[in-house]
Amino acid sequence: QTVKQLIAKLQAGQTGCLASGQTFGGFTLHAGDSHGAEGAPVTITSTNPSVPASINTRIATTSGADWLTFSHLTITSDVLSNNNEDPSPTVASVHTSWTYDDISGGDMNICILPSQPTEYGAAAYTLIEHDRIHDCGRPVTALEEEAQENDMYEGRLNGYHAHGVYDEGSHTTIKNNYFYDNSSKGILLRGGSYAVVEHNIVDHNGSGILFGDNGPTHDVVAWNIVSNSASPCGKETGWCDDFGVWSYCNESCVSDSFENNDLFGNANGNVAPSYDLCSCIEVKHNVEVNPLYVNAAAHEYTLQARSPAIGYGPDTAQPNGAAGVEPTHHELEQARHQAARGTRRNPNATAARARKAHGKAKSTKRHHAKSRAHKHGSK
């Protein structure tokens, strides 16, 4: 049977298991296709979480397909339909959760899209937690950036438009995840409201976190590590926006905040200059220290025991003393000096050793995000 058929058979609070190691096709869920309820969602998971089942084409939910949880799955979207983008998952319903999943775009696509209000519905109270979200789109080149008005490029989604999460929903929660090797933004807060983005690692994406042009409001971004943003476009031209945090500065956002994050090694600068960062975003108490990952090249993002960023990033990235490496004398002295300067401490860290973030004023080329229509299939 298909995953959609399995979901239709489950009652509120029940769990359906997909055979570990097996691959299943994608699906679109409409009102009446699922029977989850408040406090009793329908859950789809793998029979053996350590060997996840795979869903290899697009998943979409529409209005009324609420209270669903997808956990311990591999979700890939590497097929384009009708020469158009197919983010997977595309969420246009409420109270869906995506936890402990491995989600990628197969170098072709946006990954998770909590949708703005459309004829298909709107996303609200989406939970994205303990996921690995990676390889969403092919690394953007200078030619793709110059052709950014075109959705498609060489038979795939233009890398400039491919992001790890493209959030336009309301009350989206994004926490304890790993975002890496996504072609454009690791996390794009395009619009929507009341998103909470906390304790994630956002590493080696085209850029880190972008507050977009559709007026995101009351979004809170805190306790993340945003590092090593870079793209072929940046290397080829020097003016791609490979920042840790930046925005489309049209002043349409309201009461957003970016505070208590660690930014390090982002190619164009950790914090964008003022002309690339709207004044409606409160940026404060951030630090710029090397997080000392165990092995970022292998996507092993556990922090070393002597990391100055302990307490930032996911709960699963904390070292728990396993490495047994003590801070050096220099690091201890630096920590004391920074504490004396009044840097706000991270409540999750046993020692906060950091310095205040500063923006690097480097010229950038302005870009204009285009409105995007995301159609839902009818599988």
Protein backbone atom coordinates (compact mmCIF):
# COMPACT_ATOMS: atom_id res chain seq x y z
CA GLN A 1 0.00 0.00 0.00
CA THR A 2 1.05 3.61 -0.42
CA VAL A 3 1.95 5.94 2.44
CA LYS A 4 -1.20 7.93 1.75
CA GLN A 5 -3.32 4.79 2.05
CA LEU A 6 -1.61 3.92 5.33
CA ILE A 7 -2.29 7.38 6.73
CA ALA A 8 -5.98 7.13 5.77
CA LYS A 9 -6.31 3.96 7.88
CA LEU A 10 -4.82 5.47 11.04
CA GLN A 11 -6.95 7.03 13.75
CA ALA A 12 -5.98 9.89 16.03
CA GLY A 13 -2.96 8.99 18.12
CA GLN A 14 -1.95 5.98 16.05
CA THR A 15 1.44 5.36 14.43
CA GLY A 16 2.07 3.83 11.04
CA CYS A 17 5.46 2.25 10.32
CA LEU A 18 7.21 2.11 6.97
CA ALA A 19 9.56 -0.81 6.37
CA SER A 20 13.09 0.30 7.15
CA GLY A 21 15.34 0.48 4.14
CA GLN A 22 12.42 0.55 1.71
CA THR A 23 11.59 3.43 -0.63
CA PHE A 24 8.12 4.93 -1.04
CA GLY A 25 6.63 7.51 -3.36
CA GLY A 26 5.48 10.93 -2.32
CA PHE A 27 1.91 12.08 -1.83
CA THR A 28 -0.40 15.04 -1.25
CA LEU A 29 -2.72 15.02 1.74
CA HIS A 30 -6.02 16.92 1.70
CA ALA A 31 -8.70 17.47 4.34
CA GLY A 32 -10.17 14.07 5.23
CA ASP A 33 -7.05 12.14 4.23
CA SER A 34 -5.78 12.07 7.81
CA HIS A 35 -7.40 11.81 11.23
CA GLY A 36 -4.97 13.41 13.63
CA ALA A 37 -6.30 15.50 16.49
CA GLU A 38 -4.98 17.89 19.12
CA GLY A 39 -2.74 15.95 21.45
CA ALA A 40 -3.17 12.83 19.31
CA PRO A 41 -1.42 13.28 15.97
CA VAL A 42 -1.11 10.60 13.34
CA THR A 43 2.55 9.58 13.12
CA ILE A 44 4.49 8.05 10.24
CA THR A 45 7.90 6.61 11.10
CA SER A 46 10.26 3.73 10.23
CA THR A 47 10.13 0.24 11.71
CA ASN A 48 13.77 0.67 12.69
CA PRO A 49 14.67 4.33 13.28
CA SER A 50 18.38 3.60 12.80
CA VAL A 51 17.64 2.40 9.23
CA PRO A 52 15.10 4.92 7.97
CA ALA A 53 12.58 4.29 5.24
CA SER A 54 12.80 6.73 2.31
CA ILE A 55 10.22 8.89 0.56
CA ASN A 56 11.78 9.91 -2.72
CA THR A 57 9.30 12.28 -4.32
CA ARG A 58 7.34 15.26 -3.11
CA ILE A 59 5.27 15.38 0.07
CA ALA A 60 2.64 18.11 0.37
CA THR A 61 -0.15 18.87 2.84
CA THR A 62 -3.13 21.12 2.17
CA SER A 63 -5.75 22.78 4.35
CA GLY A 64 -7.33 20.34 6.79
CA ALA A 65 -4.53 17.75 6.73
CA ASP A 66 -3.59 18.67 10.28
CA TRP A 67 -1.91 17.09 13.33
CA LEU A 68 0.60 14.94 11.48
CA THR A 69 4.09 13.84 12.55
CA PHE A 70 6.77 12.48 10.21
CA SER A 71 9.75 11.09 12.09
CA HIS A 72 12.92 9.06 11.45
CA LEU A 73 12.53 9.18 7.66
CA THR A 74 14.75 10.06 4.71
CA ILE A 75 12.93 12.57 2.52
CA THR A 76 14.34 13.52 -0.86
CA SER A 77 12.91 15.63 -3.65
CA ASP A 78 15.01 15.31 -6.79
CA VAL A 79 12.24 15.25 -9.39
CA LEU A 80 10.75 18.36 -10.96
CA SER A 81 7.21 18.25 -12.37
CA ASN A 82 6.05 20.42 -15.26
CA ASN A 83 9.41 22.18 -15.25
CA ASN A 84 8.59 23.71 -11.90
CA GLU A 85 10.01 23.60 -8.40
CA ASP A 86 8.64 21.01 -5.99
CA PRO A 87 9.74 21.77 -2.43
CA SER A 88 9.40 18.73 -0.22
CA PRO A 89 7.83 18.88 2.22
CA THR A 90 5.46 21.68 1.20
CA VAL A 91 3.24 22.42 4.19
CA ALA A 92 -0.10 24.23 3.89
CA SER A 93 -1.82 22.82 6.97
CA VAL A 94 -1.50 23.24 10.74
CA HIS A 95 0.32 21.36 13.47
CA THR A 96 2.59 19.19 11.35
CA SER A 97 5.88 17.99 12.83
CA TRP A 98 9.04 16.90 11.03
CA THR A 99 11.45 15.37 13.52
CA TYR A 100 14.63 13.29 13.32
CA ASP A 101 14.40 13.25 9.53
CA ASP A 102 17.11 13.49 6.88
CA ILE A 103 15.78 15.93 4.28
CA SER A 104 17.53 16.87 1.06
CA GLY A 105 16.67 18.37 -2.29
CA GLY A 106 18.79 16.06 -4.38
CA ASP A 107 20.71 19.12 -5.64
CA MET A 108 17.49 20.14 -7.40
CA ASN A 109 15.11 21.87 -5.05
CA ILE A 110 14.09 23.90 -2.05
CA CYS A 111 13.57 21.54 0.87
CA ILE A 112 10.97 22.52 3.50
CA LEU A 113 8.38 25.17 2.63
CA PRO A 114 5.88 26.21 5.32
CA SER A 115 3.49 28.05 3.00
CA GLN A 116 1.92 31.47 3.08
CA PRO A 117 -1.89 31.57 2.66
CA THR A 118 -2.84 30.29 -0.81
CA GLU A 119 -5.79 28.52 -2.36
CA TYR A 120 -4.32 25.30 -0.94
CA GLY A 121 -4.16 26.48 2.66
CA ALA A 122 -1.49 27.94 4.93
CA ALA A 123 1.11 26.57 7.30
CA ALA A 124 0.78 27.26 11.02
CA TYR A 125 2.51 25.77 14.04
CA THR A 126 4.94 23.73 11.96
CA LEU A 127 7.65 22.03 14.01
CA ILE A 128 11.01 21.27 12.39
CA GLU A 129 13.28 19.68 14.98
CA HIS A 130 16.30 17.37 15.17
CA ASP A 131 16.53 17.12 11.38
CA ARG A 132 19.44 17.20 8.98
CA ILE A 133 18.52 19.47 6.06
CA HIS A 134 21.12 19.57 3.34
CA ASP A 135 21.98 19.65 -0.38
CA CYS A 136 18.91 21.65 -1.25
CA GLY A 137 19.83 22.96 -4.68
CA ARG A 138 23.14 23.00 -6.51
CA PRO A 139 25.69 25.59 -5.33
CA VAL A 140 24.81 28.90 -6.95
CA THR A 141 27.22 30.25 -9.54
CA ALA A 142 27.64 33.80 -10.80
CA LEU A 143 25.72 32.92 -13.97
CA GLU A 144 22.80 31.63 -11.94
CA GLU A 145 22.80 34.73 -9.76
CA GLU A 146 22.71 36.90 -12.86
CA ALA A 147 19.77 34.82 -14.14
CA GLN A 148 17.94 34.91 -10.80
CA GLU A 149 14.69 36.07 -12.44
CA ASN A 150 14.51 32.61 -14.01
CA ASP A 151 13.19 29.89 -11.74
CA MET A 152 14.76 27.13 -13.80
CA TYR A 153 18.37 26.81 -14.85
CA GLU A 154 19.74 23.93 -16.90
CA GLY A 155 16.70 21.79 -16.14
CA ARG A 156 16.72 22.28 -12.38
CA LEU A 157 15.74 24.97 -9.93
CA ASN A 158 18.05 27.97 -10.15
CA GLY A 159 20.41 27.56 -7.21
CA TYR A 160 19.80 31.16 -6.16
CA HIS A 161 16.25 30.17 -5.18
CA ALA A 162 17.04 26.89 -3.37
CA HIS A 163 17.13 27.03 0.43
CA GLY A 164 17.06 24.65 3.36
CA VAL A 165 13.89 26.13 4.86
CA TYR A 166 11.78 28.71 3.03
CA ASP A 167 9.43 29.92 5.78
CA GLU A 168 6.30 31.90 5.02
CA GLY A 169 4.05 30.32 7.65
CA SER A 170 2.98 31.45 11.10
CA HIS A 171 4.37 30.19 14.40
CA THR A 172 6.98 27.97 12.73
CA THR A 173 9.46 26.44 15.17
CA ILE A 174 12.89 25.47 13.82
CA LYS A 175 15.24 24.09 16.46
CA ASN A 176 18.03 21.62 17.13
CA ASN A 177 18.65 21.04 13.41
CA TYR A 178 21.69 20.88 11.14
CA PHE A 179 21.58 22.86 7.90
CA TYR A 180 24.50 22.37 5.54
CA ASP A 181 25.49 22.46 1.87
CA ASN A 182 22.31 24.22 0.77
CA SER A 183 22.91 26.27 -2.34
CA SER A 184 21.41 29.61 -1.32
CA LYS A 185 20.15 30.37 2.21
CA GLY A 186 20.31 27.87 5.00
CA ILE A 187 17.18 29.45 6.47
CA LEU A 188 15.05 32.02 4.63
CA LEU A 189 12.43 33.78 6.73
CA ARG A 190 10.68 35.15 3.67
CA GLY A 191 7.46 36.29 5.38
CA GLY A 192 5.08 34.92 7.95
CA SER A 193 5.13 35.68 11.65
CA TYR A 194 6.22 34.49 15.07
CA ALA A 195 8.84 32.02 13.88
CA VAL A 196 11.22 30.71 16.53
CA VAL A 197 14.63 29.68 15.16
CA GLU A 198 16.91 28.50 17.93
CA HIS A 199 19.77 26.13 18.70
CA ASN A 200 20.53 25.17 15.09
CA ILE A 201 23.81 24.78 13.27
CA VAL A 202 23.78 26.51 9.87
CA ASP A 203 27.07 25.66 8.18
CA HIS A 204 28.52 25.99 4.69
CA ASN A 205 25.42 27.22 2.87
CA GLY A 206 25.39 29.94 0.23
CA SER A 207 24.48 32.30 3.06
CA GLY A 208 23.30 31.68 6.59
CA ILE A 209 20.00 33.26 7.66
CA LEU A 210 18.06 35.83 5.63
CA PHE A 211 15.12 37.94 6.73
CA GLY A 212 13.20 38.25 3.46
CA ASP A 213 11.22 40.83 1.57
CA ASN A 214 7.65 39.78 2.46
CA GLY A 215 7.73 41.32 5.90
CA PRO A 216 8.54 38.63 8.45
CA THR A 217 7.17 39.82 11.78
CA HIS A 218 8.00 38.95 15.38
CA ASP A 219 10.51 36.28 14.34
CA VAL A 220 13.04 35.32 17.02
CA VAL A 221 16.43 33.88 16.02
CA ALA A 222 18.68 32.91 18.92
CA TRP A 223 21.41 30.55 20.15
CA ASN A 224 22.32 29.32 16.67
CA ILE A 225 25.78 28.79 15.20
CA VAL A 226 26.01 30.25 11.69
CA SER A 227 29.30 29.46 10.03
CA ASN A 228 31.34 29.18 6.83
CA SER A 229 28.78 30.59 4.41
CA ALA A 230 30.26 30.60 0.90
CA SER A 231 29.25 29.94 -2.68
CA PRO A 232 30.94 29.61 -6.08
CA CYS A 233 29.24 32.90 -6.96
CA GLY A 234 31.01 34.66 -4.12
CA LYS A 235 34.37 33.29 -5.16
CA GLU A 236 33.77 34.14 -8.83
CA THR A 237 32.53 37.70 -8.35
CA GLY A 238 33.14 38.84 -4.78
CA TRP A 239 29.69 40.41 -4.54
CA CYS A 240 27.36 37.54 -3.74
CA ASP A 241 25.76 37.86 -0.31
CA ASP A 242 27.61 35.17 1.59
CA PHE A 243 26.78 36.68 4.98
CA GLY A 244 25.98 34.95 8.23
CA VAL A 245 22.87 37.09 8.71
CA TRP A 246 21.36 39.69 6.37
CA SER A 247 18.05 40.93 5.00
CA TYR A 248 16.24 42.42 2.04
CA CYS A 249 16.06 45.84 3.56
CA ASN A 250 12.64 47.21 2.59
CA GLU A 251 11.66 47.91 6.21
CA SER A 252 8.52 45.79 5.93
CA CYS A 253 9.47 43.54 8.85
CA VAL A 254 8.20 44.21 12.37
CA SER A 255 9.90 43.46 15.71
CA ASP A 256 12.24 40.70 14.53
CA SER A 257 15.29 39.81 16.58
CA PHE A 258 18.64 38.14 15.99
CA GLU A 259 20.47 37.81 19.27
CA ASN A 260 22.76 35.51 21.23
CA ASN A 261 24.04 33.69 18.15
CA ASP A 262 27.57 32.68 17.22
CA LEU A 263 28.69 33.71 13.73
CA PHE A 264 32.03 32.61 12.36
CA GLY A 265 33.89 32.37 9.06
CA ASN A 266 31.15 33.63 6.74
CA ALA A 267 32.76 34.73 3.50
CA ASN A 268 31.26 38.21 3.03
CA GLY A 269 31.06 38.95 6.73
CA ASN A 270 29.37 37.48 9.75
CA VAL A 271 26.85 40.31 10.16
CA ALA A 272 25.85 42.26 7.06
CA PRO A 273 26.51 46.02 6.94
CA SER A 274 23.64 48.36 7.78
CA TYR A 275 22.47 48.74 4.19
CA ASP A 276 21.93 44.97 4.05
CA LEU A 277 20.27 44.66 7.45
CA CYS A 278 16.90 46.27 8.20
CA SER A 279 16.61 48.47 11.26
CA CYS A 280 13.42 46.60 12.20
CA ILE A 281 15.62 43.61 13.13
CA GLU A 282 17.17 43.92 16.58
CA VAL A 283 20.69 42.52 16.36
CA LYS A 284 22.49 42.25 19.69
CA HIS A 285 24.52 40.08 22.07
CA ASN A 286 25.95 37.98 19.23
CA VAL A 287 29.48 36.60 19.30
CA GLU A 288 32.07 35.70 16.68
CA VAL A 289 34.12 32.75 17.86
CA ASN A 290 35.32 29.56 16.22
CA PRO A 291 32.85 26.90 17.42
CA LEU A 292 35.49 24.17 17.10
CA TYR A 293 33.41 21.46 15.45
CA VAL A 294 34.83 17.96 15.69
CA ASN A 295 34.92 17.63 11.88
CA ALA A 296 32.81 20.05 9.85
CA ALA A 297 34.05 18.62 6.53
CA ALA A 298 32.40 15.31 7.46
CA HIS A 299 29.35 17.09 8.91
CA GLU A 300 30.27 15.97 12.40
CA TYR A 301 29.20 19.09 14.24
CA THR A 302 29.66 18.01 17.82
CA LEU A 303 31.49 20.79 19.64
CA GLN A 304 34.88 20.01 21.08
CA ALA A 305 35.01 20.12 24.86
CA ARG A 306 37.09 23.32 24.75
CA SER A 307 34.75 25.06 22.29
CA PRO A 308 33.95 28.67 23.23
CA ALA A 309 30.46 28.09 21.76
CA ILE A 310 29.23 25.45 24.17
CA GLY A 311 25.54 26.05 24.77
CA TYR A 312 24.99 27.43 21.27
CA GLY A 313 23.66 25.11 18.57
CA PRO A 314 21.66 21.89 18.94
CA ASP A 315 21.38 19.87 22.12
CA THR A 316 22.86 16.93 20.19
CA ALA A 317 25.98 18.98 19.36
CA GLN A 318 27.03 19.56 22.94
CA PRO A 319 30.20 17.68 23.91
CA ASN A 320 29.03 16.28 27.27
CA GLY A 321 32.68 16.13 28.34
CA ALA A 322 33.36 13.20 26.01
CA ALA A 323 36.52 14.63 24.47
CA GLY A 324 38.04 15.52 27.81
CA VAL A 325 39.95 18.49 26.36
CA GLU A 326 40.51 21.35 28.78
CA PRO A 327 40.44 24.99 27.66
CA THR A 328 43.86 26.45 27.01
CA HIS A 329 45.32 29.17 29.24
CA HIS A 330 44.70 31.72 26.47
CA GLU A 331 41.05 30.68 26.13
CA LEU A 332 40.50 30.94 29.88
CA GLU A 333 42.05 34.41 29.94
CA GLN A 334 39.94 35.43 26.96
CA ALA A 335 36.82 34.16 28.70
CA ARG A 336 37.59 36.17 31.83
CA HIS A 337 38.25 39.30 29.79
CA GLN A 338 35.03 38.95 27.81
CA ALA A 339 32.98 38.28 30.93
CA ALA A 340 34.40 41.47 32.43
CA ARG A 341 33.22 43.39 29.38
CA GLY A 342 29.66 42.36 30.19
CA THR A 343 28.93 40.04 27.32
CA ARG A 344 25.57 38.40 28.00
CA ARG A 345 25.93 34.80 29.05
CA ASN A 346 24.21 31.89 27.37
CA PRO A 347 22.03 30.18 29.99
CA ASN A 348 22.78 26.79 28.42
CA ALA A 349 26.55 27.20 28.55
CA THR A 350 28.76 26.40 31.50
CA ALA A 351 31.19 29.10 30.29
CA ALA A 352 30.50 31.85 27.78
CA ARG A 353 33.72 32.93 26.12
CA ALA A 354 32.97 35.34 23.33
CA ARG A 355 33.31 38.83 21.94
CA LYS A 356 30.67 41.14 20.53
CA ALA A 357 29.75 40.69 16.90
CA HIS A 358 30.74 43.36 14.45
CA GLY A 359 29.61 43.88 10.88
CA LYS A 360 32.03 44.03 8.00
CA ALA A 361 31.16 46.76 5.54
CA LYS A 362 31.75 45.08 2.22
CA SER A 363 29.99 46.04 -1.00
CA THR A 364 27.19 43.75 -2.12
CA LYS A 365 24.98 43.64 -5.11
CA ARG A 366 21.31 44.14 -4.30
CA HIS A 367 18.94 41.35 -5.16
CA HIS A 368 15.18 41.34 -5.38
CA ALA A 369 13.39 38.22 -4.26
CA LYS A 370 10.52 37.34 -6.54
CA SER A 371 7.17 36.07 -5.38
CA ARG A 372 6.88 32.35 -5.72
CA ALA A 373 3.82 30.20 -6.34
CA HIS A 374 4.04 26.65 -5.02
CA LYS A 375 1.51 24.30 -6.51
CA HIS A 376 0.29 21.17 -4.81
CA GLY A 377 0.03 17.89 -6.64
CA SER A 378 -2.91 15.56 -6.56
CA LYS A 379 -1.32 12.16 -5.93
